[in-house]
Amino acid sequence: DAIKRQGHAIECRIYAEDPNQEFMPSTGRIHFLKEPYGPHIRVDTGIIEGDEITRYYDPMIAKLIVWGETRLEALHRMQSALTDYAIGGVKSNLPFLRTMCQNQAVVQGQITTDFLHKHPIILTQPEPKLALLFAAAYDYLAAQHSVDPLYSHTFSWQMHLKAAWYKMYRIEKTIYSVQFKPQTAQTVILDILEDTVELSAFWQNEQLVIVQNGLPKQRAWFAAKPEGYDCYLPEGVVKIYPDIWAHHQ
């Protein structure tokens, strides 16, 4: 009688396994790890960045636990926490868990032991164009930091400087050409994939945030390495390989 129920908790177990390969364990060294945090979010784990996932042990990485006043509040908190979770170096079941938590049967609490047989989870692949926008945003912000502070006021969004930059990116085997037309310190117009996008970008809580064409902001963990970029989208990680800048006046 002394134990009273208060609110609702949900746990997701984060595994180093590939949902696209029948959940086969994924081995390798974790070179990037960002865990969600905030009120009523708990991560039980013994893994840190730099650790190796081997074939000799259970591939579970963590138990992600959230709490809410109601089940629906807890579920929304779990969806947000899974979006903010990023693991690089091994495949993980994060995209699968996030998609499952959005399934209407799960939202309505219609869960049974044969749930996956009745409700197959269809995973979507990360969108290359969105990853490309994050890469362009990263390079635009980085280009400004490389300018001498004494001359930053002459950066190319000044009206009398009609400059544009071009850069080539590669995602898998596809090459993309992007033209940059600076507008303000945070805003740039991009000509990309036969489309024109007005993009605003900034960093917030270590995440890269973009706003395209005035739409709601989107955020992602973004890691720059000597050989290229890793963009961690909710659907998975996209590897982007930049080419040399070309300046056009």
Protein backbone atom coordinates (compact mmCIF):
# COMPACT_ATOMS: atom_id res chain seq x y z
CA ASP A 1 0.00 0.00 0.00
CA ALA A 2 2.97 2.32 0.49
CA ILE A 3 3.92 2.03 -3.19
CA LYS A 4 1.93 4.41 -5.33
CA ARG A 5 1.99 4.80 -9.09
CA GLN A 6 2.94 8.25 -10.32
CA GLY A 7 3.09 9.08 -14.01
CA HIS A 8 4.42 6.80 -16.73
CA ALA A 9 7.89 5.58 -17.71
CA ILE A 10 9.14 4.09 -20.99
CA GLU A 11 12.44 2.33 -21.66
CA CYS A 12 14.16 1.75 -25.00
CA ARG A 13 17.22 -0.44 -25.21
CA ILE A 14 19.87 0.92 -27.54
CA TYR A 15 21.74 -1.82 -29.39
CA ALA A 16 24.68 -1.90 -31.79
CA GLU A 17 22.78 -3.76 -34.47
CA ASP A 18 21.62 -3.12 -38.02
CA PRO A 19 17.81 -3.01 -38.45
CA ASN A 20 18.27 -3.18 -42.23
CA GLN A 21 20.13 -6.49 -41.90
CA GLU A 22 17.69 -8.37 -39.69
CA PHE A 23 19.22 -6.79 -36.59
CA MET A 24 22.62 -8.37 -37.03
CA PRO A 25 25.09 -7.14 -34.38
CA SER A 26 27.33 -4.32 -35.57
CA THR A 27 30.93 -4.21 -34.42
CA GLY A 28 33.44 -1.38 -34.46
CA ARG A 29 34.83 1.54 -32.48
CA ILE A 30 32.44 4.27 -31.39
CA HIS A 31 34.04 7.48 -32.69
CA PHE A 32 31.05 9.75 -32.02
CA LEU A 33 28.55 9.58 -29.18
CA LYS A 34 25.93 12.12 -28.12
CA GLU A 35 23.38 11.10 -25.52
CA PRO A 36 20.12 12.91 -24.84
CA TYR A 37 19.74 14.78 -21.57
CA GLY A 38 17.20 16.94 -19.81
CA PRO A 39 14.39 16.68 -17.27
CA HIS A 40 13.04 13.14 -16.81
CA ILE A 41 15.55 11.58 -19.23
CA ARG A 42 17.93 8.92 -17.96
CA VAL A 43 20.63 6.99 -19.81
CA ASP A 44 22.04 3.87 -18.14
CA THR A 45 25.21 2.91 -20.00
CA GLY A 46 28.76 1.69 -19.61
CA ILE A 47 29.89 2.85 -23.05
CA ILE A 48 31.81 6.04 -23.80
CA GLU A 49 33.19 7.55 -26.99
CA GLY A 50 36.24 5.59 -28.10
CA ASP A 51 35.01 2.23 -26.79
CA GLU A 52 34.90 -0.75 -29.11
CA ILE A 53 31.88 -2.97 -29.67
CA THR A 54 33.17 -6.50 -30.25
CA ARG A 55 31.53 -9.78 -31.21
CA TYR A 56 32.38 -11.31 -27.84
CA TYR A 57 29.75 -9.54 -25.74
CA ASP A 58 26.11 -8.49 -25.86
CA PRO A 59 25.89 -5.47 -28.21
CA MET A 60 23.60 -3.43 -25.93
CA ILE A 61 24.90 0.13 -25.62
CA ALA A 62 22.43 1.71 -23.22
CA LYS A 63 19.01 1.75 -21.63
CA LEU A 64 17.22 5.02 -22.42
CA ILE A 65 14.47 5.75 -19.88
CA VAL A 66 12.04 8.65 -19.85
CA TRP A 67 9.19 9.67 -17.55
CA GLY A 68 6.07 11.76 -18.01
CA GLU A 69 2.91 12.67 -16.17
CA THR A 70 1.01 10.63 -18.77
CA ARG A 71 1.93 7.86 -21.18
CA LEU A 72 1.55 10.20 -24.15
CA GLU A 73 3.85 12.78 -22.56
CA ALA A 74 6.42 10.08 -21.87
CA LEU A 75 6.15 8.82 -25.45
CA HIS A 76 6.71 12.30 -26.87
CA ARG A 77 9.71 12.71 -24.59
CA MET A 78 11.08 9.39 -25.80
CA GLN A 79 10.64 10.40 -29.44
CA SER A 80 12.57 13.62 -28.78
CA ALA A 81 15.29 11.79 -26.83
CA LEU A 82 15.77 9.25 -29.62
CA THR A 83 16.09 12.11 -32.13
CA ASP A 84 18.82 13.69 -29.98
CA TYR A 85 20.74 10.41 -29.64
CA ALA A 86 23.63 9.93 -32.08
CA ILE A 87 26.10 7.06 -32.40
CA GLY A 88 28.93 6.95 -34.92
CA GLY A 89 31.18 4.01 -35.75
CA VAL A 90 28.60 1.23 -35.52
CA LYS A 91 25.08 0.69 -36.79
CA SER A 92 22.39 1.09 -34.17
CA ASN A 93 18.67 0.47 -33.73
CA LEU A 94 17.99 4.17 -33.03
CA PRO A 95 16.11 4.80 -36.33
CA PHE A 96 14.02 1.67 -35.75
CA LEU A 97 13.07 2.66 -32.20
CA ARG A 98 12.21 6.21 -33.25
CA THR A 99 10.01 4.99 -36.12
CA MET A 100 8.32 2.44 -33.88
CA CYS A 101 7.54 5.08 -31.23
CA GLN A 102 5.73 7.08 -33.92
CA ASN A 103 3.62 4.11 -35.03
CA GLN A 104 -0.06 4.82 -34.32
CA ALA A 105 -0.58 1.41 -32.73
CA VAL A 106 2.20 2.21 -30.25
CA VAL A 107 0.82 5.69 -29.66
CA GLN A 108 -2.58 4.17 -28.88
CA GLY A 109 -1.06 1.55 -26.58
CA GLN A 110 -2.00 -1.43 -28.76
CA ILE A 111 1.13 -3.45 -28.05
CA THR A 112 1.34 -7.23 -27.92
CA THR A 113 4.12 -9.79 -28.10
CA ASP A 114 3.40 -10.29 -31.82
CA PHE A 115 3.33 -6.55 -32.53
CA LEU A 116 6.06 -6.57 -35.20
CA HIS A 117 4.35 -9.38 -37.12
CA LYS A 118 1.15 -7.35 -37.30
CA HIS A 119 2.78 -3.93 -37.73
CA PRO A 120 5.99 -4.14 -39.80
CA ILE A 121 8.22 -1.12 -39.20
CA ILE A 122 9.27 0.44 -42.52
CA LEU A 123 12.44 2.49 -42.17
CA THR A 124 13.05 5.51 -44.37
CA GLN A 125 16.54 6.41 -45.49
CA PRO A 126 18.11 9.78 -44.58
CA GLU A 127 17.56 12.47 -47.19
CA PRO A 128 20.79 13.41 -49.00
CA LYS A 129 19.57 16.94 -49.78
CA LEU A 130 18.91 17.68 -46.11
CA ALA A 131 22.39 16.45 -45.19
CA LEU A 132 23.75 18.62 -47.99
CA LEU A 133 22.04 21.69 -46.49
CA PHE A 134 23.64 20.97 -43.12
CA ALA A 135 27.06 20.60 -44.79
CA ALA A 136 26.61 23.92 -46.62
CA ALA A 137 25.48 25.58 -43.38
CA TYR A 138 28.55 24.25 -41.58
CA ASP A 139 30.89 25.52 -44.29
CA TYR A 140 29.19 28.92 -44.42
CA LEU A 141 29.57 29.47 -40.68
CA ALA A 142 33.13 28.12 -40.74
CA ALA A 143 34.09 30.45 -43.61
CA GLN A 144 33.16 33.48 -41.55
CA HIS A 145 35.25 32.34 -38.58
CA SER A 146 38.24 32.07 -40.91
CA VAL A 147 37.97 35.75 -41.82
CA ASP A 148 40.28 38.14 -39.97
CA PRO A 149 38.12 39.95 -37.35
CA LEU A 150 39.53 43.27 -38.56
CA TYR A 151 37.99 42.64 -41.98
CA SER A 152 34.85 40.76 -40.97
CA HIS A 153 32.74 43.85 -41.73
CA THR A 154 33.71 43.48 -45.40
CA PHE A 155 32.44 39.91 -45.63
CA SER A 156 30.60 39.32 -48.87
CA TRP A 157 27.07 40.06 -47.72
CA GLN A 158 27.97 43.74 -48.06
CA MET A 159 25.94 45.24 -50.92
CA HIS A 160 28.94 46.46 -52.88
CA LEU A 161 30.56 43.02 -52.99
CA LYS A 162 28.75 40.76 -55.46
CA ALA A 163 30.55 37.56 -54.62
CA ALA A 164 29.44 33.96 -54.78
CA TRP A 165 31.19 30.79 -53.74
CA TYR A 166 30.96 27.37 -55.25
CA LYS A 167 31.70 24.09 -53.57
CA MET A 168 31.44 20.48 -54.63
CA TYR A 169 30.22 17.75 -52.32
CA ARG A 170 30.02 14.00 -52.74
CA ILE A 171 27.48 11.72 -51.07
CA GLU A 172 28.15 8.08 -51.93
CA LYS A 173 28.78 8.22 -55.71
CA THR A 174 26.84 11.41 -56.48
CA ILE A 175 28.57 14.78 -56.90
CA TYR A 176 26.62 17.93 -55.97
CA SER A 177 27.52 21.50 -56.89
CA VAL A 178 26.39 24.22 -54.49
CA GLN A 179 26.58 27.97 -55.05
CA PHE A 180 26.71 30.23 -51.99
CA LYS A 181 25.31 33.78 -52.15
CA PRO A 182 25.93 35.39 -48.72
CA GLN A 183 23.19 37.62 -47.33
CA THR A 184 23.89 38.16 -43.62
CA ALA A 185 26.11 36.66 -40.96
CA GLN A 186 23.69 33.74 -40.58
CA THR A 187 21.79 33.72 -43.86
CA VAL A 188 22.87 32.53 -47.28
CA ILE A 189 21.08 31.77 -50.54
CA LEU A 190 22.03 28.40 -51.99
CA ASP A 191 21.60 27.22 -55.56
CA ILE A 192 21.47 23.48 -55.15
CA LEU A 193 19.95 20.63 -57.15
CA GLU A 194 18.21 23.04 -59.54
CA ASP A 195 16.58 24.71 -56.54
CA THR A 196 17.16 27.95 -54.67
CA VAL A 197 17.06 27.85 -50.88
CA GLU A 198 17.34 30.70 -48.41
CA LEU A 199 19.12 29.14 -45.47
CA SER A 200 19.74 30.49 -41.97
CA ALA A 201 22.15 28.62 -39.72
CA PHE A 202 23.50 28.77 -36.19
CA TRP A 203 24.84 26.52 -33.43
CA GLN A 204 22.66 25.70 -30.41
CA ASN A 205 23.64 23.32 -27.58
CA GLU A 206 26.41 21.87 -29.77
CA GLN A 207 23.92 21.02 -32.50
CA LEU A 208 23.82 22.64 -35.94
CA VAL A 209 20.44 24.29 -36.54
CA ILE A 210 19.12 25.34 -39.95
CA VAL A 211 16.01 27.14 -41.14
CA GLN A 212 15.25 26.74 -44.84
CA ASN A 213 12.90 29.16 -46.61
CA GLY A 214 11.43 30.29 -43.29
CA LEU A 215 10.14 26.80 -42.38
CA PRO A 216 10.43 25.35 -38.84
CA LYS A 217 14.01 24.86 -37.73
CA GLN A 218 15.77 21.52 -38.09
CA ARG A 219 18.73 20.37 -36.02
CA ALA A 220 21.38 17.70 -36.29
CA TRP A 221 24.60 16.56 -34.70
CA PHE A 222 27.34 17.37 -37.19
CA ALA A 223 30.92 16.12 -37.01
CA ALA A 224 33.71 17.43 -39.24
CA LYS A 225 36.70 15.17 -39.77
CA PRO A 226 39.73 15.57 -42.05
CA GLU A 227 38.30 13.12 -44.59
CA GLY A 228 34.75 14.48 -44.55
CA TYR A 229 31.60 15.23 -42.59
CA ASP A 230 29.13 13.06 -40.71
CA CYS A 231 25.59 14.42 -40.48
CA TYR A 232 23.45 12.58 -37.92
CA LEU A 233 19.82 12.74 -39.03
CA PRO A 234 16.98 10.91 -37.22
CA GLU A 235 16.87 8.36 -40.05
CA GLY A 236 20.61 7.67 -39.83
CA VAL A 237 24.03 9.13 -40.53
CA VAL A 238 25.00 10.60 -43.91
CA LYS A 239 28.67 10.83 -44.88
CA ILE A 240 29.55 13.89 -46.97
CA TYR A 241 32.87 14.48 -48.69
CA PRO A 242 33.66 18.11 -49.55
CA ASP A 243 35.81 19.24 -52.43
CA ILE A 244 37.94 22.37 -52.93
CA TRP A 245 36.36 25.82 -52.73
CA ALA A 246 36.18 27.78 -55.97
CA HIS A 247 35.65 31.53 -55.81
CA HIS A 248 33.64 33.33 -58.43
CA GLN A 249 33.40 37.13 -58.67
